[in-house]
Amino acid sequence: MTTYLVIHTPIESNETDVKPPTDLVGLATHHGKSDAAPRWLKAWSPDLSDDRIFSLWEAKNAGEIVLVLERFGFLDQMDYAAIPVNEWGPEEILATQDQGNE
């Protein structure tokens, strides 16, 4: 599985159609479990000055995530881009440095 960071950006819409709210309970029930595919891991909302939302997923490909987003109406008033990411930080840097000193 690959980890994806999805950036959800609000889109301007002239639609007068009222859409149902996102089915967050359904999304969490079906795609929040450890054996789900794709798996929704987390979501972040920055602050009041930034309307974007960021979500983290595990999936075989970005297309799987898009299908789930559409199925559950997850932020359907937003555009989204799924970017494959690798997690790393200070521990990984120091572990690499320690290996080089052996």
Foldseek 3Di string as FASTA:
>chain_A
DFKKKKKWAADDDPDPDDDDDFPVVVCCVQACDPPHAWHWPDKDDDDPVGRMIITMTRHPDVVSVVVSCVVRVPNVSTDMDIDTDDDDDDVVVVVVVVVVVD
